[in-house]
Amino acid sequence: MIGWIKSRFNDIRFRNKLLLSHLVIALIPILLLGLLSFIQSYRIQMRELRSEAEASMEQVASIMDYKINRYNTLSEFMVLNRDFSQIFTKNYDENYYQMYLDFRDIMEPLISNIKLMDDDIEGITFYTSGELLGIRNNILPIGELRSKAWYDGFRGRRWIVEGEKLYLVQELISNPKDSNFMVISIQHDSIFGDLDNLSEHVSVHMEDQEQHIIFQENRKQIGAVDLEKRERTDLSLNRSLASNGWTIYYNLLNTNAYANAMSIFQITLFVIILSLIITFLLIYIISTNFTRRILRLKTKVDKVERNNLDVIIQSSSRDEFGELTNGIGKMLRRINSLISQVYRAEIAKKESEYNRLISQINPHFLYNTLSFIRWRAEKKADIETSYMVSALARFYRTTLNQGRHMTTIEAEIQHIKAYLDLQLIMNDGLFDVDYDVDEAVQLEPIIHFVLQPIVENAIKHGFVEAEAKGYGIQITVRRVSEGIRLAVTDNGVGMTSQQITQLLTSENGGCGVRNVNDRLKLYYGKDYGLVIRSEPGCGTEVSMVIPASPPYAAGILQIKC
């Protein structure tokens, strides 16, 4: 990425570079000033929002403490009423008339007065294990209370929130054999209603003593965008209620502070744009004046590019541009001098090529001499000598390849056949040779002299037991999806992985296996080369894949046992 930016910047004209660089230099401090003003105004707004949120939280907590304490007082008023408490501890001994009188004169008036005092009380239910079961619909067995999910065997007073239901559970005075509780059902909104209508910059929830969430702000009316904004909070406040241990959590939203800070930043941005326009005009005037001399120098250099080497480039200025101009003038004079030297060198090169053509007569002398020896051997009926001389002549003719580094697969196979014919005679037929060549690829081009070093290595190191029989070499040429695959396979002694590595890395002479591998990579690319697969006692296969025609595909070498 950085390289791409540098490349694009280098392609910009010099005057535009000056404009761009000066604008960037001017822009950085102005942007920093705008950013600092935005951050500072944002912090001030957040402090103000925090102060407002703290005051709001204190007010809400005080109101809730008041409401909860009011219900706690009503509960204590009933519990501490002696006549009321005796109803649950008295032994009626089936005196239902007395029980009726107690309900009529004590319990029902007390409950009615309590409901009359607070319209938010939805109902009062009693749970007992005494004799009052079944007398009223609001008197239930203590077992039903114990089956509630929120009941954990607590004693005394407890506030319970179950979904949208709010209960005040108060233990009544009991005798040793009975357990009695009073449960006051209270409207949910009477306690939590004020929390649903707080500032749009605050979200709130409440937890009980066990840190279970018992209230969360009603978000049904909040849009998706507003809901997403409310999830971004920068500050959290909390306050515990003194009345029952609940905790209010305020999450202060940064939306309003961000909006106010953005208004200040917009003003700063306007100043930035105005400053940039003024800066651009000033830099444009200065850079135009500054680059005029560069344009004059470029005009003269363009003439030199069009082969007008007689242009005079010089300057009387002593600054950097004057030094650059005079340096280019000196370089131009030096180029004229070098052209003369190159001309003389070219003449010497032609003479060298002539001498090289003369030296090519020597291979022809070798071929003629070998042909004469073969003719003399045939004349004397020495068939074996005649065959060896003929094979040797074919071998050297294909080896020299008229000085070319490229040949065809057909010529390379003829070259390796001539070499193997000589080796079979020299080794008294120690091994067999099998050729499996696809005729369709014989005219494909290939680097010269790639099979002979591999075959020579197989004979020299693979067939180490002179008296052994059954050795063989197979030369395979086939077209594959990647190109053309050439392989040399033997059933000799094989190699270890260390020997394979050494074969491809160590110096084995000018025409060894390593040389073949290096030439394949050099000509076709780094992805090409030899692949050797071998195991001790299991023979060796050396293979290569060359592209059928440019562009060349990746090279592949495989060796299998």
Protein backbone atom coordinates (compact mmCIF):
# COMPACT_ATOMS: atom_id res chain seq x y z
CA MET A 1 0.00 0.00 0.00
CA ILE A 2 2.79 2.43 0.93
CA GLY A 3 4.66 1.54 -2.26
CA TRP A 4 1.54 2.26 -4.33
CA ILE A 5 1.08 5.67 -2.66
CA LYS A 6 4.73 6.55 -3.27
CA SER A 7 4.42 5.48 -6.91
CA ARG A 8 1.30 7.60 -7.43
CA PHE A 9 2.93 10.58 -5.71
CA ASN A 10 6.02 10.29 -7.90
CA ASP A 11 3.84 10.45 -11.01
CA ILE A 12 2.40 13.85 -10.02
CA ARG A 13 3.91 16.92 -11.65
CA PHE A 14 6.37 18.86 -9.50
CA ARG A 15 4.19 21.94 -9.13
CA ASN A 16 1.27 19.81 -8.03
CA LYS A 17 3.54 18.06 -5.51
CA LEU A 18 4.38 21.44 -4.02
CA LEU A 19 0.70 22.35 -3.83
CA LEU A 20 -0.24 19.02 -2.27
CA SER A 21 2.59 18.96 0.26
CA HIS A 22 1.99 22.54 1.44
CA LEU A 23 -1.73 21.93 1.71
CA VAL A 24 -1.11 18.84 3.85
CA ILE A 25 1.31 20.77 6.06
CA ALA A 26 -1.25 23.56 6.49
CA LEU A 27 -4.11 21.12 7.00
CA ILE A 28 -2.58 19.13 9.86
CA PRO A 29 -2.45 21.90 12.52
CA ILE A 30 -5.87 23.21 11.50
CA LEU A 31 -7.40 19.75 11.80
CA LEU A 32 -5.70 19.21 15.15
CA LEU A 33 -7.18 22.48 16.39
CA GLY A 34 -10.64 21.44 15.24
CA LEU A 35 -10.26 18.02 16.82
CA LEU A 36 -9.13 19.49 20.13
CA SER A 37 -12.07 21.91 20.15
CA PHE A 38 -14.45 19.02 19.46
CA ILE A 39 -12.97 16.88 22.25
CA GLN A 40 -13.03 19.73 24.76
CA SER A 41 -16.63 20.68 23.99
CA TYR A 42 -17.60 17.01 24.15
CA ARG A 43 -16.07 16.68 27.61
CA ILE A 44 -17.88 19.80 28.85
CA GLN A 45 -21.19 18.45 27.56
CA MET A 46 -20.57 15.09 29.22
CA ARG A 47 -19.84 16.78 32.56
CA GLU A 48 -23.10 18.71 32.31
CA LEU A 49 -25.02 15.56 31.42
CA ARG A 50 -23.44 13.74 34.36
CA SER A 51 -24.47 16.50 36.75
CA GLU A 52 -28.03 16.41 35.42
CA ALA A 53 -28.13 12.62 35.61
CA GLU A 54 -26.87 12.59 39.21
CA ALA A 55 -29.54 15.11 40.25
CA SER A 56 -32.23 13.13 38.40
CA MET A 57 -31.08 9.86 39.98
CA GLU A 58 -31.13 11.34 43.47
CA GLN A 59 -34.64 12.67 42.89
CA VAL A 60 -35.93 9.36 41.51
CA ALA A 61 -34.28 7.42 44.35
CA SER A 62 -35.86 9.73 46.96
CA ILE A 63 -39.32 9.32 45.39
CA MET A 64 -38.97 5.54 45.28
CA ASP A 65 -37.71 5.42 48.88
CA TYR A 66 -40.74 7.44 49.89
CA LYS A 67 -43.17 5.12 48.08
CA ILE A 68 -41.55 1.95 49.38
CA ASN A 69 -41.38 3.27 52.93
CA ARG A 70 -45.07 4.19 52.69
CA TYR A 71 -45.99 0.59 51.87
CA ASN A 72 -43.61 -0.68 54.53
CA THR A 73 -45.41 1.54 57.05
CA LEU A 74 -48.82 0.23 55.97
CA SER A 75 -47.51 -3.32 56.35
CA GLU A 76 -46.15 -2.60 59.83
CA PHE A 77 -49.40 -0.91 60.78
CA MET A 78 -51.30 -4.11 60.07
CA VAL A 79 -48.74 -6.43 61.67
CA LEU A 80 -48.53 -4.36 64.85
CA ASN A 81 -52.30 -4.22 65.23
CA ARG A 82 -52.80 -6.56 68.19
CA ASP A 83 -56.41 -7.47 67.39
CA PHE A 84 -55.50 -8.23 63.78
CA SER A 85 -52.51 -10.42 64.70
CA GLN A 86 -54.53 -12.41 67.27
CA ILE A 87 -56.88 -13.58 64.53
CA PHE A 88 -54.03 -15.76 63.11
CA THR A 89 -52.83 -17.00 66.53
CA LYS A 90 -56.17 -17.47 68.34
CA ASN A 91 -57.45 -21.00 68.99
CA TYR A 92 -61.12 -20.89 67.92
CA ASP A 93 -61.88 -24.59 68.66
CA GLU A 94 -64.51 -24.56 65.87
CA ASN A 95 -66.11 -21.44 67.30
CA TYR A 96 -67.02 -20.19 63.85
CA TYR A 97 -69.27 -17.47 65.12
CA GLN A 98 -66.43 -15.82 66.98
CA MET A 99 -64.25 -16.23 63.89
CA TYR A 100 -67.00 -14.53 61.84
CA LEU A 101 -67.13 -11.62 64.27
CA ASP A 102 -63.33 -11.16 64.15
CA PHE A 103 -63.36 -11.09 60.38
CA ARG A 104 -66.32 -8.72 60.23
CA ASP A 105 -65.23 -6.32 62.93
CA ILE A 106 -61.43 -6.41 62.67
CA MET A 107 -59.91 -7.86 59.48
CA GLU A 108 -62.28 -6.66 56.79
CA PRO A 109 -62.51 -3.04 58.03
CA LEU A 110 -58.72 -2.90 58.35
CA ILE A 111 -58.15 -4.24 54.84
CA SER A 112 -60.80 -1.90 53.41
CA ASN A 113 -59.21 1.10 55.09
CA ILE A 114 -55.79 0.13 53.78
CA LYS A 115 -57.06 -0.16 50.18
CA LEU A 116 -58.94 3.10 50.63
CA MET A 117 -55.74 4.82 51.70
CA ASP A 118 -53.85 3.65 48.56
CA ASP A 119 -55.57 2.97 45.23
CA ASP A 120 -52.41 1.27 43.88
CA ILE A 121 -52.92 -1.77 46.14
CA GLU A 122 -54.49 -4.44 43.95
CA GLY A 123 -55.11 -6.99 46.67
CA ILE A 124 -54.01 -8.51 50.00
CA THR A 125 -53.58 -12.28 50.34
CA PHE A 126 -52.78 -14.30 53.48
CA TYR A 127 -50.94 -17.64 53.64
CA THR A 128 -51.35 -19.66 56.83
CA SER A 129 -51.06 -23.14 58.24
CA GLY A 130 -53.61 -22.47 61.03
CA GLU A 131 -57.38 -22.84 61.45
CA LEU A 132 -58.40 -20.02 59.07
CA LEU A 133 -57.98 -22.03 55.86
CA GLY A 134 -61.04 -21.97 53.62
CA ILE A 135 -62.76 -19.11 55.47
CA ARG A 136 -62.03 -16.47 52.80
CA ASN A 137 -60.80 -16.57 49.19
CA ASN A 138 -57.80 -14.46 50.16
CA ILE A 139 -56.60 -16.92 52.83
CA LEU A 140 -54.52 -19.70 51.24
CA PRO A 141 -52.36 -22.59 52.50
CA ILE A 142 -48.76 -21.74 53.35
CA GLY A 143 -47.69 -24.46 50.90
CA GLU A 144 -48.77 -22.36 47.95
CA LEU A 145 -46.43 -19.58 49.06
CA ARG A 146 -43.56 -22.00 49.48
CA SER A 147 -44.13 -23.30 45.93
CA LYS A 148 -43.43 -19.86 44.47
CA ALA A 149 -40.20 -19.69 42.46
CA TRP A 150 -39.05 -16.59 44.34
CA TYR A 151 -39.69 -17.95 47.85
CA ASP A 152 -36.46 -19.17 49.50
CA GLY A 153 -37.59 -19.58 53.11
CA PHE A 154 -36.92 -15.95 54.10
CA ARG A 155 -38.42 -14.43 57.25
CA GLY A 156 -39.55 -10.89 57.99
CA ARG A 157 -40.30 -8.56 55.06
CA ARG A 158 -39.31 -8.93 51.41
CA TRP A 159 -40.10 -7.00 48.18
CA ILE A 160 -40.63 -9.32 45.20
CA VAL A 161 -40.75 -8.42 41.48
CA GLU A 162 -41.99 -11.19 39.19
CA GLY A 163 -42.34 -10.00 35.62
CA GLU A 164 -44.88 -7.18 35.69
CA LYS A 165 -46.07 -8.18 39.19
CA LEU A 166 -44.92 -6.40 42.36
CA TYR A 167 -45.41 -7.93 45.83
CA LEU A 168 -44.66 -6.90 49.39
CA VAL A 169 -44.35 -10.10 51.46
CA GLN A 170 -44.64 -9.60 55.25
CA GLU A 171 -44.37 -12.33 57.88
CA LEU A 172 -47.16 -12.11 60.47
CA ILE A 173 -46.98 -12.85 64.17
CA SER A 174 -47.30 -16.62 64.53
CA ASN A 175 -47.49 -19.21 67.29
CA PRO A 176 -44.97 -22.06 67.47
CA LYS A 177 -47.07 -24.40 65.40
CA ASP A 178 -48.32 -22.01 62.71
CA SER A 179 -46.63 -19.94 59.96
CA ASN A 180 -48.43 -16.88 58.58
CA PHE A 181 -47.53 -14.44 55.76
CA MET A 182 -49.29 -11.46 54.23
CA VAL A 183 -48.70 -10.64 50.55
CA ILE A 184 -49.72 -7.18 49.30
CA SER A 185 -50.05 -6.94 45.48
CA ILE A 186 -49.11 -3.46 44.27
CA GLN A 187 -49.48 -1.94 40.80
CA HIS A 188 -46.14 -2.13 38.99
CA ASP A 189 -46.29 1.42 37.64
CA SER A 190 -46.88 2.89 41.10
CA ILE A 191 -43.23 2.18 41.92
CA PHE A 192 -41.51 2.03 38.53
CA GLY A 193 -43.71 4.33 36.41
CA ASP A 194 -41.46 7.34 36.81
CA LEU A 195 -38.44 5.40 35.45
CA ASP A 196 -40.03 4.93 32.01
CA ASN A 197 -40.17 8.65 31.24
CA LEU A 198 -36.68 9.88 31.99
CA SER A 199 -34.50 12.01 29.73
CA GLU A 200 -33.75 10.63 26.25
CA HIS A 201 -30.07 10.84 27.14
CA VAL A 202 -30.37 8.34 30.01
CA SER A 203 -31.22 4.65 30.06
CA VAL A 204 -32.01 3.03 33.39
CA HIS A 205 -32.45 -0.37 34.97
CA MET A 206 -32.79 -1.65 38.55
CA GLU A 207 -31.39 -4.71 40.35
CA ASP A 208 -32.35 -6.36 43.66
CA GLN A 209 -29.99 -7.46 46.43
CA GLU A 210 -29.03 -10.61 44.47
CA GLN A 211 -28.19 -8.46 41.40
CA HIS A 212 -31.18 -9.77 39.45
CA ILE A 213 -32.66 -7.22 37.05
CA ILE A 214 -36.13 -6.33 38.36
CA PHE A 215 -36.77 -3.38 36.07
CA GLN A 216 -35.54 -2.30 32.65
CA GLU A 217 -36.63 0.80 30.78
CA ASN A 218 -39.58 0.14 28.48
CA ARG A 219 -38.20 0.28 24.93
CA LYS A 220 -41.21 -0.74 22.92
CA GLN A 221 -41.75 2.81 21.71
CA ILE A 222 -38.09 3.43 20.88
CA GLY A 223 -37.12 3.23 17.20
CA ALA A 224 -34.30 1.00 15.95
CA VAL A 225 -31.96 3.95 15.40
CA ASP A 226 -32.66 5.40 18.86
CA LEU A 227 -32.21 1.98 20.43
CA GLU A 228 -28.81 1.62 18.77
CA LYS A 229 -27.80 5.05 20.10
CA ARG A 230 -28.94 4.14 23.59
CA GLU A 231 -26.59 1.16 23.53
CA ARG A 232 -23.61 3.54 23.24
CA THR A 233 -22.98 4.76 26.77
CA ASP A 234 -20.00 6.70 28.03
CA LEU A 235 -20.85 6.88 31.75
CA SER A 236 -22.66 4.73 34.32
CA LEU A 237 -24.08 5.86 37.69
CA ASN A 238 -25.77 3.84 40.43
CA ARG A 239 -27.60 4.54 43.66
CA SER A 240 -28.86 2.06 46.29
CA LEU A 241 -32.29 2.58 47.89
CA ALA A 242 -32.18 2.87 51.65
CA SER A 243 -35.66 1.38 52.03
CA ASN A 244 -35.13 -2.14 50.60
CA GLY A 245 -31.57 -2.42 49.15
CA TRP A 246 -32.52 -2.17 45.48
CA THR A 247 -29.98 -0.42 43.21
CA ILE A 248 -30.75 2.03 40.40
CA TYR A 249 -28.32 2.09 37.46
CA TYR A 250 -28.17 5.12 35.17
CA ASN A 251 -26.39 4.79 31.79
CA LEU A 252 -25.55 8.23 30.45
CA LEU A 253 -25.82 8.38 26.64
CA ASN A 254 -23.39 10.51 24.65
CA THR A 255 -25.77 11.41 21.81
CA ASN A 256 -26.60 14.94 22.93
CA ALA A 257 -23.01 15.75 23.92
CA TYR A 258 -21.83 14.47 20.56
CA ALA A 259 -24.38 16.59 18.67
CA ASN A 260 -23.44 19.78 20.54
CA ALA A 261 -19.75 19.13 20.01
CA MET A 262 -20.36 18.53 16.30
CA SER A 263 -21.96 21.97 15.92
CA ILE A 264 -18.74 23.53 17.23
CA PHE A 265 -16.70 21.31 14.94
CA GLN A 266 -18.76 22.41 11.91
CA ILE A 267 -17.88 26.02 12.61
CA THR A 268 -14.24 25.03 12.91
CA LEU A 269 -14.51 23.08 9.66
CA PHE A 270 -15.78 26.17 7.85
CA VAL A 271 -12.75 28.11 9.09
CA ILE A 272 -10.50 25.25 7.93
CA ILE A 273 -11.94 25.27 4.40
CA LEU A 274 -11.60 29.04 4.15
CA SER A 275 -8.00 28.86 5.35
CA LEU A 276 -7.23 26.12 2.84
CA ILE A 277 -8.60 28.17 -0.06
CA ILE A 278 -6.42 31.15 0.89
CA THR A 279 -3.42 28.86 1.39
CA PHE A 280 -3.99 27.20 -1.97
CA LEU A 281 -4.00 30.51 -3.83
CA LEU A 282 -0.77 31.64 -2.17
CA ILE A 283 0.99 28.32 -2.78
CA TYR A 284 -0.17 28.26 -6.40
CA ILE A 285 1.43 31.64 -7.10
CA ILE A 286 4.68 30.69 -5.34
CA SER A 287 4.94 27.21 -6.91
CA THR A 288 4.30 28.54 -10.44
CA ASN A 289 7.18 30.97 -10.03
CA PHE A 290 9.30 28.26 -8.48
CA THR A 291 8.84 25.62 -11.20
CA ARG A 292 9.36 27.90 -14.22
CA ARG A 293 13.10 27.14 -14.28
CA ILE A 294 12.41 23.41 -14.01
CA LEU A 295 10.14 23.57 -17.06
CA ARG A 296 12.86 25.32 -19.08
CA LEU A 297 15.33 22.57 -18.09
CA LYS A 298 12.78 19.89 -19.01
CA THR A 299 12.34 21.42 -22.48
CA LYS A 300 16.07 21.06 -23.19
CA VAL A 301 16.14 17.50 -21.81
CA ASP A 302 13.22 16.60 -24.12
CA LYS A 303 15.33 17.72 -27.10
CA VAL A 304 18.13 15.43 -25.91
CA GLU A 305 15.58 12.59 -25.65
CA ARG A 306 14.76 13.17 -29.34
CA ASN A 307 18.47 12.46 -30.14
CA ASN A 308 19.44 16.13 -30.41
CA LEU A 309 22.73 15.79 -28.56
CA ASP A 310 24.04 19.20 -29.68
CA VAL A 311 21.85 21.06 -27.15
CA ILE A 312 23.83 23.31 -24.79
CA ILE A 313 22.63 22.97 -21.18
CA GLN A 314 24.16 25.34 -18.65
CA SER A 315 23.18 27.89 -16.00
CA SER A 316 24.75 30.84 -14.25
CA SER A 317 22.75 30.29 -11.03
CA ARG A 318 24.54 29.00 -7.96
CA ASP A 319 21.60 27.36 -6.20
CA GLU A 320 20.61 23.69 -6.39
CA PHE A 321 18.82 24.14 -9.74
CA GLY A 322 21.88 25.80 -11.24
CA GLU A 323 24.07 22.93 -10.03
CA LEU A 324 21.59 20.39 -11.43
CA THR A 325 21.51 22.15 -14.83
CA ASN A 326 25.30 22.30 -15.10
CA GLY A 327 25.53 18.65 -13.98
CA ILE A 328 23.18 17.58 -16.78
CA GLY A 329 25.28 19.58 -19.26
CA LYS A 330 28.43 17.79 -18.13
CA MET A 331 26.66 14.45 -18.38
CA LEU A 332 25.55 15.22 -21.94
CA ARG A 333 29.13 15.96 -22.98
CA ARG A 334 30.22 12.71 -21.33
CA ILE A 335 27.54 10.81 -23.28
CA ASN A 336 28.86 12.17 -26.55
CA SER A 337 32.31 10.93 -25.57
CA LEU A 338 30.97 7.47 -24.60
CA ILE A 339 29.11 7.13 -27.91
CA SER A 340 32.42 7.42 -29.70
CA GLN A 341 33.92 4.74 -27.43
CA VAL A 342 30.97 2.38 -27.96
CA TYR A 343 31.33 2.75 -31.72
CA ARG A 344 34.93 1.60 -31.53
CA ALA A 345 33.93 -1.28 -29.21
CA GLU A 346 31.26 -2.41 -31.69
CA ILE A 347 33.90 -2.70 -34.41
CA ALA A 348 36.02 -4.87 -32.08
CA LYS A 349 32.98 -7.06 -31.38
CA LYS A 350 32.43 -7.71 -35.09
CA GLU A 351 36.03 -8.79 -35.41
CA SER A 352 35.56 -11.17 -32.43
CA GLU A 353 32.49 -12.75 -34.06
CA TYR A 354 34.49 -13.30 -37.22
CA ASN A 355 37.16 -15.13 -35.25
CA ARG A 356 34.50 -17.28 -33.58
CA LEU A 357 33.12 -18.31 -36.98
CA ILE A 358 36.62 -19.38 -38.00
CA SER A 359 36.94 -21.50 -34.82
CA GLN A 360 33.77 -23.42 -35.72
CA ILE A 361 35.73 -25.24 -38.38
CA ASN A 362 37.22 -27.50 -35.64
CA PRO A 363 33.99 -29.53 -34.93
CA HIS A 364 33.66 -30.22 -38.64
CA PHE A 365 37.23 -31.50 -38.69
CA LEU A 366 36.25 -33.86 -35.78
CA TYR A 367 33.19 -35.17 -37.68
CA ASN A 368 35.21 -35.74 -40.88
CA THR A 369 37.94 -37.56 -38.99
CA LEU A 370 35.44 -39.88 -37.24
CA SER A 371 33.75 -40.59 -40.57
CA PHE A 372 37.11 -41.53 -42.09
CA ILE A 373 37.86 -43.91 -39.15
CA ARG A 374 34.41 -45.53 -39.52
CA TRP A 375 35.02 -45.98 -43.28
CA ARG A 376 38.42 -47.66 -42.63
CA ALA A 377 36.84 -49.98 -39.98
CA GLU A 378 34.07 -51.02 -42.36
CA LYS A 379 36.66 -51.65 -45.08
CA LYS A 380 38.47 -54.01 -42.74
CA ALA A 381 35.13 -55.64 -41.69
CA ASP A 382 35.51 -54.41 -38.09
CA ILE A 383 31.76 -53.96 -37.56
CA GLU A 384 31.98 -53.27 -33.78
CA THR A 385 34.57 -50.51 -34.21
CA SER A 386 32.55 -49.02 -37.10
CA TYR A 387 29.40 -48.99 -34.93
CA MET A 388 31.19 -47.38 -31.98
CA VAL A 389 32.73 -44.66 -34.18
CA SER A 390 29.35 -44.01 -35.80
CA ALA A 391 27.65 -43.74 -32.38
CA LEU A 392 30.45 -41.49 -31.14
CA ALA A 393 30.04 -39.20 -34.16
CA ARG A 394 26.28 -38.99 -33.63
CA PHE A 395 26.84 -38.31 -29.92
CA TYR A 396 29.23 -35.40 -30.47
CA ARG A 397 27.16 -33.98 -33.32
CA THR A 398 24.06 -33.83 -31.10
CA THR A 399 26.13 -32.71 -28.11
CA LEU A 400 27.57 -29.67 -29.93
CA ASN A 401 24.15 -28.95 -31.51
CA GLN A 402 25.77 -26.33 -33.77
CA GLY A 403 26.32 -24.08 -30.73
CA ARG A 404 22.56 -23.72 -29.96
CA HIS A 405 21.21 -24.13 -26.41
CA MET A 406 17.74 -25.25 -27.60
CA THR A 407 16.84 -28.42 -29.50
CA THR A 408 13.82 -30.67 -30.03
CA ILE A 409 12.73 -33.66 -27.97
CA GLU A 410 13.42 -35.86 -31.01
CA ALA A 411 17.03 -34.62 -31.24
CA GLU A 412 17.50 -35.02 -27.46
CA ILE A 413 16.30 -38.63 -27.67
CA GLN A 414 18.69 -39.30 -30.59
CA HIS A 415 21.51 -37.83 -28.49
CA ILE A 416 20.75 -40.08 -25.49
CA LYS A 417 20.39 -43.11 -27.77
CA ALA A 418 23.87 -42.50 -29.17
CA TYR A 419 25.25 -42.17 -25.64
CA LEU A 420 23.52 -45.37 -24.42
CA ASP A 421 24.73 -47.31 -27.48
CA LEU A 422 28.31 -46.46 -26.49
CA GLN A 423 27.66 -47.34 -22.84
CA LEU A 424 26.10 -50.71 -23.73
CA ILE A 425 29.20 -51.62 -25.75
CA MET A 426 31.59 -50.38 -23.03
CA ASN A 427 29.69 -52.26 -20.27
CA ASP A 428 29.14 -55.51 -22.25
CA GLY A 429 25.35 -55.16 -22.18
CA LEU A 430 25.18 -54.85 -18.35
CA PHE A 431 21.71 -53.26 -18.51
CA ASP A 432 18.66 -53.05 -20.77
CA VAL A 433 17.17 -49.84 -22.20
CA ASP A 434 13.50 -49.20 -22.91
CA TYR A 435 12.18 -46.09 -24.72
CA ASP A 436 8.56 -44.97 -24.28
CA VAL A 437 8.31 -41.73 -26.30
CA ASP A 438 5.07 -40.11 -27.45
CA GLU A 439 5.56 -39.30 -31.14
CA ALA A 440 3.18 -36.34 -30.87
CA VAL A 441 5.66 -34.35 -28.75
CA GLN A 442 8.90 -35.09 -30.62
CA LEU A 443 9.02 -31.67 -32.31
CA GLU A 444 8.45 -29.72 -29.09
CA PRO A 445 11.42 -27.48 -28.09
CA ILE A 446 13.54 -28.33 -25.04
CA ILE A 447 16.80 -27.20 -23.47
CA HIS A 448 19.72 -29.13 -24.97
CA PHE A 449 21.67 -31.71 -22.93
CA VAL A 450 19.23 -32.45 -20.04
CA LEU A 451 18.88 -36.25 -20.21
CA GLN A 452 22.51 -37.37 -20.61
CA PRO A 453 23.75 -36.25 -17.13
CA ILE A 454 20.78 -38.03 -15.51
CA VAL A 455 21.39 -41.28 -17.45
CA GLU A 456 25.12 -41.08 -16.75
CA ASN A 457 24.41 -40.74 -13.01
CA ALA A 458 22.09 -43.78 -13.13
CA ILE A 459 24.77 -45.94 -14.81
CA LYS A 460 27.63 -44.69 -12.65
CA HIS A 461 25.94 -44.84 -9.24
CA GLY A 462 22.86 -47.04 -9.75
CA PHE A 463 24.50 -50.10 -11.30
CA VAL A 464 27.37 -50.54 -8.83
CA GLU A 465 27.54 -54.36 -8.94
CA ALA A 466 29.47 -55.22 -12.11
CA GLU A 467 28.43 -58.89 -12.20
CA ALA A 468 24.76 -58.31 -11.40
CA LYS A 469 22.11 -58.99 -14.04
CA GLY A 470 18.65 -57.57 -14.67
CA TYR A 471 19.52 -53.87 -14.49
CA GLY A 472 17.44 -51.66 -16.75
CA ILE A 473 16.78 -48.02 -17.66
CA GLN A 474 13.48 -46.69 -18.98
CA ILE A 475 13.18 -43.30 -20.71
CA THR A 476 9.61 -41.99 -20.84
CA VAL A 477 8.27 -38.90 -22.63
CA ARG A 478 4.55 -38.18 -22.28
CA ARG A 479 2.22 -35.18 -22.55
CA VAL A 480 0.54 -34.29 -19.23
CA SER A 481 -1.85 -31.53 -18.18
CA GLU A 482 1.02 -29.31 -17.01
CA GLY A 483 3.05 -29.72 -20.22
CA ILE A 484 5.47 -32.48 -21.28
CA ARG A 485 6.91 -34.92 -18.73
CA LEU A 486 10.33 -36.54 -19.25
CA ALA A 487 11.44 -39.27 -16.84
CA VAL A 488 14.51 -41.52 -16.44
CA THR A 489 13.80 -44.61 -14.30
CA ASP A 490 16.26 -47.30 -13.20
CA ASN A 491 16.01 -50.36 -10.96
CA GLY A 492 19.41 -49.87 -9.38
CA VAL A 493 20.50 -49.56 -5.75
CA GLY A 494 18.49 -46.38 -5.09
CA MET A 495 19.35 -43.44 -2.82
CA THR A 496 18.60 -42.08 0.64
CA SER A 497 16.98 -38.68 1.18
CA GLN A 498 20.37 -37.27 2.20
CA GLN A 499 21.92 -38.51 -1.06
CA ILE A 500 19.06 -36.93 -3.05
CA THR A 501 19.63 -33.57 -1.34
CA GLN A 502 23.38 -33.81 -1.95
CA LEU A 503 22.81 -34.69 -5.61
CA LEU A 504 20.84 -31.47 -6.19
CA THR A 505 23.00 -29.16 -4.07
CA SER A 506 26.62 -30.30 -4.24
CA GLU A 507 29.09 -29.53 -7.01
CA ASN A 508 29.16 -32.47 -9.43
CA GLY A 509 31.05 -30.89 -12.31
CA GLY A 510 29.94 -28.63 -15.13
CA CYS A 511 27.32 -30.97 -16.65
CA GLY A 512 26.06 -32.89 -13.63
CA VAL A 513 22.50 -33.39 -12.36
CA ARG A 514 22.68 -30.16 -10.35
CA ASN A 515 23.65 -28.30 -13.54
CA VAL A 516 20.55 -29.67 -15.30
CA ASN A 517 18.34 -28.64 -12.37
CA ASP A 518 19.84 -25.12 -12.33
CA ARG A 519 19.43 -24.69 -16.10
CA LEU A 520 15.77 -25.75 -15.97
CA LYS A 521 15.07 -23.16 -13.27
CA LEU A 522 17.06 -20.50 -15.09
CA TYR A 523 15.29 -20.98 -18.45
CA TYR A 524 11.73 -21.91 -17.44
CA GLY A 525 11.51 -20.24 -14.00
CA LYS A 526 12.05 -21.03 -10.33
CA ASP A 527 8.97 -23.27 -10.21
CA TYR A 528 10.61 -25.72 -12.63
CA GLY A 529 13.37 -28.21 -11.95
CA LEU A 530 14.08 -31.85 -11.17
CA VAL A 531 12.12 -34.01 -8.75
CA ILE A 532 13.77 -37.20 -7.50
CA ARG A 533 11.94 -40.08 -5.87
CA SER A 534 14.04 -42.99 -4.62
CA GLU A 535 14.48 -45.49 -1.81
CA PRO A 536 17.51 -47.70 -1.05
CA GLY A 537 17.20 -51.01 -2.93
CA CYS A 538 14.15 -49.81 -4.83
CA GLY A 539 15.57 -47.90 -7.78
CA THR A 540 15.31 -44.23 -8.72
CA GLU A 541 13.10 -42.06 -10.92
CA VAL A 542 14.17 -38.55 -11.98
CA SER A 543 11.55 -36.56 -13.86
CA MET A 544 10.84 -33.06 -15.08
CA VAL A 545 7.88 -31.28 -16.60
CA ILE A 546 8.46 -28.59 -19.23
CA PRO A 547 5.77 -26.39 -20.78
CA ALA A 548 4.54 -27.41 -24.20
CA SER A 549 4.69 -23.81 -25.39
CA PRO A 550 5.11 -20.36 -23.72
CA PRO A 551 4.00 -19.09 -21.27
CA TYR A 552 5.53 -21.93 -19.29
CA ALA A 553 3.76 -23.74 -16.50
CA ALA A 554 5.31 -24.82 -13.21
CA GLY A 555 7.91 -27.60 -13.41
CA ILE A 556 7.31 -30.92 -11.70
CA LEU A 557 9.72 -33.73 -10.85
CA GLN A 558 8.66 -37.03 -9.46
CA ILE A 559 10.52 -40.10 -8.30
CA LYS A 560 8.75 -43.28 -7.38
CA CYS A 561 9.89 -46.66 -6.20
